[in-house]
Structure formats: structure tokens, C-alpha cells
Amino acid sequence: MKQRKKRFHRPFYLAVSLVCLLLLVGGGYLVYAAMTDSDRKENDFQVGQVETKIFEENFDEEMTETAKDTPVSKEVRIENVGTIKQFVRVMVLPEVRKPIVGDTQNEQVLPMKIGTDVELAEMSTADWIDGGDGYYYYKHQLDPKAKTSYLFKTVKLPAQTSDRYDQTTFTITLKVETVNCAEFAYRDAWWQGSKPSTSPLQEVDTALESKTDK
């Protein structure tokens, strides 16, 4: 990015989209899933819903651009709108698209790394663990109708962000996956049934193992 005499930075265009996907113990992606007892009784069918939504606050949806080193308020947490307790993990996917000169029908997708090219600030590290596998794990059971603490409250493009992101469209997508709190259901759903042996996933497993419903 070239600096003008008054040292203005040309703006980055910012678009934010949210995608909420629920990971089911039985596999597959749906808006919600019915979790039932193993025995089905005639005229007595117990159903529980695994369902969440992204609860977003203080975000200006009409904002169309931002600049480097300028925090953007985007307070994100997850709400359990189902009927049973859940474990939650969230993937934050930053994506940058840049117009291709001479080709108005297509765009170039540029890589963007959290912590280097984009910063998520004011994270509740006491409640969330970066699993190092692209997901942030909530360390507690999430009760029905309850919300997690904030995953983050602001988003910022650091001052040292590469000039190649100038005049691009920046999108953040949140992918939410939840699973019931039955003993080790999270291992089956998220880690193919294996117990992590190295950190930071080992730390996640230790936190969740003590909170399963045995």
C-alpha cells in the first residue's frame, strides 16, 4: 500500500458472513438433530434437540470498509437454543477475495492467517482453548438457553498487514459444531474416537472429560 503525503491508508473493504453448522454424533449436517434414548417405547418417545445459534452483538452490519490497525466491534458468543447440554467448538475462517485485473467474472482468493494477518481481540481465554486444529473449544457444558462467554469482541487488521490485501473483500465465517455431553461422545464426533496425546488438544480433552455425563 502506498502512503499519500497525509499518510492516509486506503481502506480495506470488509464483509462479514456467518455460517452455523451443527456436528451430530450420528454424522451429517442439519439445522438440528433429535437425540433419543436407546430404547424406544410405544407412545413414549423422548426427544432432545442439539441446536445452537451464533449470538452476535454490537456489529454494524451496514459497515462496508475498514482500515489497518482499526478495531471493528464484533462480539461473538454461542447460544444453546436446544433442550440438552452440549459441548461446543467454533472454527473461525477468514477469507480475502481480490478482483482479477482484466477478468471481472472471477476473483482471486488470498490466504489469511489468524494472529498474523488478522487479530481476534478480547478473547475469553479462561473459557476457550485454541485447539491448534483450526477450532476454538469451549471448556464447559453449555446448558439449554445459556450462552457461552465471548469468543472474541473485536476484529482488527494489524498495521503490518501485507499491502496485497488492499482494496479486497474480507469475510469472516464462523462454523459452529456441537455434540451432546454423553461420555466421550465428543471424541467420537471430533477426533475419530481417539484420545489426544499432545497439547493443546490434550488440554481440551482433559477439560471436557471431567464434564461428561457418565
C-alpha atoms as a PDB file:
ATOM      1  CA  MET A   1       0.000   0.000   0.000  1.00  0.00           C
ATOM      2  CA  LYS A   2       1.394   3.334  -0.930  1.00  0.00           C
ATOM      3  CA  GLN A   3       1.118   6.122   1.552  1.00  0.00           C
ATOM      4  CA  ARG A   4      -0.024   9.538   0.466  1.00  0.00           C
ATOM      5  CA  LYS A   5       1.515  12.713   1.789  1.00  0.00           C
ATOM      6  CA  LYS A   6      -1.072  12.953   4.542  1.00  0.00           C
ATOM      7  CA  ARG A   7      -0.351   9.294   5.365  1.00  0.00           C
ATOM      8  CA  PHE A   8      -3.874   8.101   4.726  1.00  0.00           C
ATOM      9  CA  HIS A   9      -4.305   4.368   4.295  1.00  0.00           C
ATOM     10  CA  ARG A  10      -6.548   3.240   1.504  1.00  0.00           C
ATOM     11  CA  PRO A  11      -9.464   1.313   3.002  1.00  0.00           C
ATOM     12  CA  PHE A  12      -9.991  -2.399   3.126  1.00  0.00           C
ATOM     13  CA  TYR A  13     -13.485  -3.476   2.187  1.00  0.00           C
ATOM     14  CA  LEU A  14     -14.979  -5.596   4.909  1.00  0.00           C
ATOM     15  CA  ALA A  15     -17.829  -8.023   4.559  1.00  0.00           C
ATOM     16  CA  VAL A  16     -18.778 -10.413   7.309  1.00  0.00           C
ATOM     17  CA  SER A  17     -20.852 -13.551   6.905  1.00  0.00           C
ATOM     18  CA  LEU A  18     -21.772 -16.134   9.495  1.00  0.00           C
ATOM     19  CA  VAL A  19     -22.333 -19.805   8.855  1.00  0.00           C
ATOM     20  CA  CYS A  20     -23.627 -22.069  11.618  1.00  0.00           C
ATOM     21  CA  LEU A  21     -23.216 -25.821  11.156  1.00  0.00           C
ATOM     22  CA  LEU A  22     -24.052 -28.382  13.814  1.00  0.00           C
ATOM     23  CA  LEU A  23     -21.992 -31.568  14.013  1.00  0.00           C
ATOM     24  CA  LEU A  24     -24.118 -34.509  15.047  1.00  0.00           C
ATOM     25  CA  VAL A  25     -22.955 -37.576  16.903  1.00  0.00           C
ATOM     26  CA  GLY A  26     -24.529 -39.799  14.266  1.00  0.00           C
ATOM     27  CA  GLY A  27     -22.856 -37.896  11.448  1.00  0.00           C
ATOM     28  CA  GLY A  28     -24.260 -35.439   8.904  1.00  0.00           C
ATOM     29  CA  TYR A  29     -25.135 -31.754   8.963  1.00  0.00           C
ATOM     30  CA  LEU A  30     -28.640 -30.447   9.685  1.00  0.00           C
ATOM     31  CA  VAL A  31     -30.234 -27.439  11.325  1.00  0.00           C
ATOM     32  CA  TYR A  32     -30.923 -29.589  14.377  1.00  0.00           C
ATOM     33  CA  ALA A  33     -30.879 -33.233  15.415  1.00  0.00           C
ATOM     34  CA  ALA A  34     -33.108 -35.381  17.568  1.00  0.00           C
ATOM     35  CA  MET A  35     -31.161 -37.209  20.294  1.00  0.00           C
ATOM     36  CA  THR A  36     -33.139 -40.045  21.866  1.00  0.00           C
ATOM     37  CA  ASP A  37     -32.810 -42.807  24.445  1.00  0.00           C
ATOM     38  CA  SER A  38     -31.540 -46.111  23.093  1.00  0.00           C
ATOM     39  CA  ASP A  39     -34.863 -47.815  23.850  1.00  0.00           C
ATOM     40  CA  ARG A  40     -37.953 -46.622  22.069  1.00  0.00           C
ATOM     41  CA  LYS A  41     -41.192 -47.088  23.974  1.00  0.00           C
ATOM     42  CA  GLU A  42     -44.502 -47.046  22.207  1.00  0.00           C
ATOM     43  CA  ASN A  43     -46.347 -43.779  22.849  1.00  0.00           C
ATOM     44  CA  ASP A  44     -43.412 -42.591  24.973  1.00  0.00           C
ATOM     45  CA  PHE A  45     -40.746 -41.184  22.655  1.00  0.00           C
ATOM     46  CA  GLN A  46     -38.257 -38.886  24.370  1.00  0.00           C
ATOM     47  CA  VAL A  47     -36.649 -36.312  22.089  1.00  0.00           C
ATOM     48  CA  GLY A  48     -33.923 -33.819  22.849  1.00  0.00           C
ATOM     49  CA  GLN A  49     -32.631 -31.217  20.445  1.00  0.00           C
ATOM     50  CA  VAL A  50     -28.992 -30.392  19.784  1.00  0.00           C
ATOM     51  CA  GLU A  51     -29.280 -26.891  18.412  1.00  0.00           C
ATOM     52  CA  THR A  52     -27.241 -23.705  18.694  1.00  0.00           C
ATOM     53  CA  LYS A  53     -27.047 -20.316  17.094  1.00  0.00           C
ATOM     54  CA  ILE A  54     -24.403 -17.631  16.783  1.00  0.00           C
ATOM     55  CA  PHE A  55     -25.254 -14.769  19.100  1.00  0.00           C
ATOM     56  CA  GLU A  56     -23.689 -11.600  17.737  1.00  0.00           C
ATOM     57  CA  GLU A  57     -23.717  -8.175  19.361  1.00  0.00           C
ATOM     58  CA  ASN A  58     -22.531  -4.645  18.609  1.00  0.00           C
ATOM     59  CA  PHE A  59     -21.668  -5.308  14.980  1.00  0.00           C
ATOM     60  CA  ASP A  60     -22.508  -2.637  12.398  1.00  0.00           C
ATOM     61  CA  GLU A  61     -23.930  -4.654   9.512  1.00  0.00           C
ATOM     62  CA  GLU A  62     -24.033  -1.557   7.319  1.00  0.00           C
ATOM     63  CA  MET A  63     -20.275  -1.024   7.566  1.00  0.00           C
ATOM     64  CA  THR A  64     -18.615  -1.579   4.196  1.00  0.00           C
ATOM     65  CA  GLU A  65     -14.958  -0.785   4.810  1.00  0.00           C
ATOM     66  CA  THR A  66     -12.259  -0.577   7.428  1.00  0.00           C
ATOM     67  CA  ALA A  67      -8.588   0.321   7.603  1.00  0.00           C
ATOM     68  CA  LYS A  68      -5.456  -1.242   9.024  1.00  0.00           C
ATOM     69  CA  ASP A  69      -4.916  -1.125  12.772  1.00  0.00           C
ATOM     70  CA  THR A  70      -8.572  -0.168  13.334  1.00  0.00           C
ATOM     71  CA  PRO A  71     -10.540  -2.482  15.664  1.00  0.00           C
ATOM     72  CA  VAL A  72     -14.006  -3.434  14.478  1.00  0.00           C
ATOM     73  CA  SER A  73     -16.518  -4.313  17.188  1.00  0.00           C
ATOM     74  CA  LYS A  74     -17.862  -7.823  16.648  1.00  0.00           C
ATOM     75  CA  GLU A  75     -18.861  -9.551  19.869  1.00  0.00           C
ATOM     76  CA  VAL A  76     -19.473 -13.233  19.235  1.00  0.00           C
ATOM     77  CA  ARG A  77     -20.720 -15.967  21.519  1.00  0.00           C
ATOM     78  CA  ILE A  78     -22.777 -19.123  21.057  1.00  0.00           C
ATOM     79  CA  GLU A  79     -26.259 -19.757  22.439  1.00  0.00           C
ATOM     80  CA  ASN A  80     -27.752 -23.181  23.164  1.00  0.00           C
ATOM     81  CA  VAL A  81     -31.289 -22.969  21.794  1.00  0.00           C
ATOM     82  CA  GLY A  82     -31.825 -26.729  22.099  1.00  0.00           C
ATOM     83  CA  THR A  83     -33.075 -28.781  25.014  1.00  0.00           C
ATOM     84  CA  ILE A  84     -29.974 -30.682  26.177  1.00  0.00           C
ATOM     85  CA  LYS A  85     -26.496 -29.757  27.390  1.00  0.00           C
ATOM     86  CA  GLN A  86     -23.810 -29.501  24.725  1.00  0.00           C
ATOM     87  CA  PHE A  87     -20.095 -29.227  24.110  1.00  0.00           C
ATOM     88  CA  VAL A  88     -19.186 -26.543  21.575  1.00  0.00           C
ATOM     89  CA  ARG A  89     -16.315 -25.813  19.238  1.00  0.00           C
ATOM     90  CA  VAL A  90     -16.023 -22.985  16.713  1.00  0.00           C
ATOM     91  CA  MET A  91     -13.911 -22.597  13.599  1.00  0.00           C
ATOM     92  CA  VAL A  92     -13.096 -19.023  12.543  1.00  0.00           C
ATOM     93  CA  LEU A  93     -12.447 -18.825   8.806  1.00  0.00           C
ATOM     94  CA  PRO A  94     -11.032 -15.548   7.452  1.00  0.00           C
ATOM     95  CA  GLU A  95     -11.101 -15.221   3.680  1.00  0.00           C
ATOM     96  CA  VAL A  96      -9.949 -12.481   1.342  1.00  0.00           C
ATOM     97  CA  ARG A  97     -11.104 -12.084  -2.253  1.00  0.00           C
ATOM     98  CA  LYS A  98      -9.419  -9.736  -4.670  1.00  0.00           C
ATOM     99  CA  PRO A  99     -10.638  -8.739  -8.138  1.00  0.00           C
ATOM    100  CA  ILE A 100      -8.543 -10.072 -11.014  1.00  0.00           C
ATOM    101  CA  VAL A 101      -7.424  -7.300 -13.322  1.00  0.00           C
ATOM    102  CA  GLY A 102      -8.974  -7.807 -16.741  1.00  0.00           C
ATOM    103  CA  ASP A 103     -11.302 -10.582 -15.525  1.00  0.00           C
ATOM    104  CA  THR A 104     -14.433  -9.135 -13.926  1.00  0.00           C
ATOM    105  CA  GLN A 105     -16.143 -12.541 -13.694  1.00  0.00           C
ATOM    106  CA  ASN A 106     -13.657 -14.061 -11.258  1.00  0.00           C
ATOM    107  CA  GLU A 107     -11.799 -13.235  -8.045  1.00  0.00           C
ATOM    108  CA  GLN A 108      -8.508 -14.333  -6.546  1.00  0.00           C
ATOM    109  CA  VAL A 109      -8.711 -15.950  -3.087  1.00  0.00           C
ATOM    110  CA  LEU A 110      -5.818 -14.875  -0.879  1.00  0.00           C
ATOM    111  CA  PRO A 111      -4.691 -16.787   2.240  1.00  0.00           C
ATOM    112  CA  MET A 112      -5.118 -15.077   5.596  1.00  0.00           C
ATOM    113  CA  LYS A 113      -3.846 -16.349   8.932  1.00  0.00           C
ATOM    114  CA  ILE A 114      -5.340 -15.532  12.321  1.00  0.00           C
ATOM    115  CA  GLY A 115      -2.783 -13.896  14.581  1.00  0.00           C
ATOM    116  CA  THR A 116      -0.639 -12.689  11.698  1.00  0.00           C
ATOM    117  CA  ASP A 117      -2.922 -11.155   9.082  1.00  0.00           C
ATOM    118  CA  VAL A 118      -5.998 -10.670  11.259  1.00  0.00           C
ATOM    119  CA  GLU A 119      -6.336 -10.357  15.022  1.00  0.00           C
ATOM    120  CA  LEU A 120      -9.215 -11.577  17.176  1.00  0.00           C
ATOM    121  CA  ALA A 121      -9.055  -9.489  20.330  1.00  0.00           C
ATOM    122  CA  GLU A 122     -10.573  -9.617  23.815  1.00  0.00           C
ATOM    123  CA  MET A 123     -10.962 -13.392  23.753  1.00  0.00           C
ATOM    124  CA  SER A 124     -12.185 -15.201  26.882  1.00  0.00           C
ATOM    125  CA  THR A 125      -9.124 -17.427  27.225  1.00  0.00           C
ATOM    126  CA  ALA A 126     -10.321 -18.655  30.617  1.00  0.00           C
ATOM    127  CA  ASP A 127     -13.241 -20.395  28.900  1.00  0.00           C
ATOM    128  CA  TRP A 128     -11.973 -21.068  25.373  1.00  0.00           C
ATOM    129  CA  ILE A 129      -8.963 -23.116  24.230  1.00  0.00           C
ATOM    130  CA  ASP A 130      -7.319 -22.816  20.838  1.00  0.00           C
ATOM    131  CA  GLY A 131      -7.071 -26.458  19.822  1.00  0.00           C
ATOM    132  CA  GLY A 132      -4.416 -25.802  17.202  1.00  0.00           C
ATOM    133  CA  ASP A 133      -6.552 -27.694  14.677  1.00  0.00           C
ATOM    134  CA  GLY A 134      -8.488 -24.685  13.436  1.00  0.00           C
ATOM    135  CA  TYR A 135     -11.088 -24.846  16.210  1.00  0.00           C
ATOM    136  CA  TYR A 136     -11.660 -22.970  19.455  1.00  0.00           C
ATOM    137  CA  TYR A 137     -13.138 -25.252  22.132  1.00  0.00           C
ATOM    138  CA  TYR A 138     -15.473 -24.140  24.914  1.00  0.00           C
ATOM    139  CA  LYS A 139     -14.242 -25.736  28.146  1.00  0.00           C
ATOM    140  CA  HIS A 140     -17.642 -26.148  29.789  1.00  0.00           C
ATOM    141  CA  GLN A 141     -21.002 -27.761  29.241  1.00  0.00           C
ATOM    142  CA  LEU A 142     -23.416 -25.312  27.655  1.00  0.00           C
ATOM    143  CA  ASP A 143     -26.818 -25.614  29.296  1.00  0.00           C
ATOM    144  CA  PRO A 144     -30.076 -25.147  27.368  1.00  0.00           C
ATOM    145  CA  LYS A 145     -30.922 -21.466  26.821  1.00  0.00           C
ATOM    146  CA  ALA A 146     -27.464 -20.441  28.072  1.00  0.00           C
ATOM    147  CA  LYS A 147     -24.752 -18.580  26.158  1.00  0.00           C
ATOM    148  CA  THR A 148     -21.008 -19.066  26.123  1.00  0.00           C
ATOM    149  CA  SER A 149     -18.667 -16.312  27.171  1.00  0.00           C
ATOM    150  CA  TYR A 150     -17.419 -14.165  24.299  1.00  0.00           C
ATOM    151  CA  LEU A 151     -15.156 -15.961  21.853  1.00  0.00           C
ATOM    152  CA  PHE A 152     -13.872 -12.536  20.824  1.00  0.00           C
ATOM    153  CA  LYS A 153     -15.111  -8.946  20.867  1.00  0.00           C
ATOM    154  CA  THR A 154     -13.155  -7.152  18.150  1.00  0.00           C
ATOM    155  CA  VAL A 155     -11.504  -7.916  14.826  1.00  0.00           C
ATOM    156  CA  LYS A 156      -8.527  -5.967  13.523  1.00  0.00           C
ATOM    157  CA  LEU A 157      -6.204  -5.986  10.536  1.00  0.00           C
ATOM    158  CA  PRO A 158      -2.742  -5.294  12.023  1.00  0.00           C
ATOM    159  CA  ALA A 159      -0.692  -2.332  10.849  1.00  0.00           C
ATOM    160  CA  GLN A 160       1.817  -4.729   9.287  1.00  0.00           C
ATOM    161  CA  THR A 161      -0.844  -6.476   7.184  1.00  0.00           C
ATOM    162  CA  SER A 162       0.503  -7.057   3.679  1.00  0.00           C
ATOM    163  CA  ASP A 163      -0.283  -4.473   1.004  1.00  0.00           C
ATOM    164  CA  ARG A 164      -1.619  -7.226  -1.218  1.00  0.00           C
ATOM    165  CA  TYR A 165      -4.851  -7.115   0.807  1.00  0.00           C
ATOM    166  CA  ASP A 166      -5.500  -3.514  -0.262  1.00  0.00           C
ATOM    167  CA  GLN A 167      -8.891  -2.964  -1.921  1.00  0.00           C
ATOM    168  CA  THR A 168     -10.079  -6.503  -1.214  1.00  0.00           C
ATOM    169  CA  THR A 169     -13.188  -8.058   0.314  1.00  0.00           C
ATOM    170  CA  PHE A 170     -12.534  -9.597   3.723  1.00  0.00           C
ATOM    171  CA  THR A 171     -15.037 -12.135   5.046  1.00  0.00           C
ATOM    172  CA  ILE A 172     -15.148 -13.929   8.395  1.00  0.00           C
ATOM    173  CA  THR A 173     -17.162 -17.142   8.553  1.00  0.00           C
ATOM    174  CA  LEU A 174     -17.908 -18.905  11.832  1.00  0.00           C
ATOM    175  CA  LYS A 175     -18.520 -22.653  11.736  1.00  0.00           C
ATOM    176  CA  VAL A 176     -20.102 -23.965  14.927  1.00  0.00           C
ATOM    177  CA  GLU A 177     -20.093 -27.659  15.826  1.00  0.00           C
ATOM    178  CA  THR A 178     -21.845 -29.096  18.868  1.00  0.00           C
ATOM    179  CA  VAL A 179     -22.280 -32.527  20.411  1.00  0.00           C
ATOM    180  CA  ASN A 180     -24.164 -33.862  23.431  1.00  0.00           C
ATOM    181  CA  CYS A 181     -22.295 -34.360  26.702  1.00  0.00           C
ATOM    182  CA  ALA A 182     -22.521 -38.151  26.890  1.00  0.00           C
ATOM    183  CA  GLU A 183     -19.255 -39.765  27.970  1.00  0.00           C
ATOM    184  CA  PHE A 184     -16.637 -39.370  25.232  1.00  0.00           C
ATOM    185  CA  ALA A 185     -19.202 -38.538  22.516  1.00  0.00           C
ATOM    186  CA  TYR A 186     -17.013 -35.546  21.670  1.00  0.00           C
ATOM    187  CA  ARG A 187     -14.049 -37.842  20.972  1.00  0.00           C
ATOM    188  CA  ASP A 188     -16.126 -39.941  18.593  1.00  0.00           C
ATOM    189  CA  ALA A 189     -17.543 -36.901  16.810  1.00  0.00           C
ATOM    190  CA  TRP A 190     -14.459 -34.720  16.625  1.00  0.00           C
ATOM    191  CA  TRP A 191     -11.375 -36.966  16.846  1.00  0.00           C
ATOM    192  CA  GLN A 192     -12.466 -40.323  15.382  1.00  0.00           C
ATOM    193  CA  GLY A 193     -12.762 -41.795  18.863  1.00  0.00           C
ATOM    194  CA  SER A 194      -9.108 -41.251  19.794  1.00  0.00           C
ATOM    195  CA  LYS A 195      -7.750 -39.603  22.942  1.00  0.00           C
ATOM    196  CA  PRO A 196      -5.299 -36.775  22.129  1.00  0.00           C
ATOM    197  CA  SER A 197      -1.793 -37.350  23.416  1.00  0.00           C
ATOM    198  CA  THR A 198      -0.283 -33.924  22.732  1.00  0.00           C
ATOM    199  CA  SER A 199      -1.190 -30.352  23.594  1.00  0.00           C
ATOM    200  CA  PRO A 200      -3.216 -28.293  23.048  1.00  0.00           C
ATOM    201  CA  LEU A 201      -5.872 -30.914  22.201  1.00  0.00           C
ATOM    202  CA  GLN A 202      -4.783 -32.891  25.245  1.00  0.00           C
ATOM    203  CA  GLU A 203      -5.696 -29.865  27.355  1.00  0.00           C
ATOM    204  CA  VAL A 204      -9.090 -29.695  25.638  1.00  0.00           C
ATOM    205  CA  ASP A 205      -9.704 -33.384  26.309  1.00  0.00           C
ATOM    206  CA  THR A 206      -8.802 -33.015  29.984  1.00  0.00           C
ATOM    207  CA  ALA A 207     -11.227 -30.113  30.373  1.00  0.00           C
ATOM    208  CA  LEU A 208     -14.126 -31.892  28.665  1.00  0.00           C
ATOM    209  CA  GLU A 209     -13.518 -35.354  30.134  1.00  0.00           C
ATOM    210  CA  SER A 210     -14.264 -34.128  33.644  1.00  0.00           C
ATOM    211  CA  LYS A 211     -17.563 -32.615  32.489  1.00  0.00           C
ATOM    212  CA  THR A 212     -19.098 -35.521  30.589  1.00  0.00           C
ATOM    213  CA  ASP A 213     -22.364 -37.089  31.750  1.00  0.00           C
ATOM    214  CA  LYS A 214     -21.374 -40.553  32.939  1.00  0.00           C
END
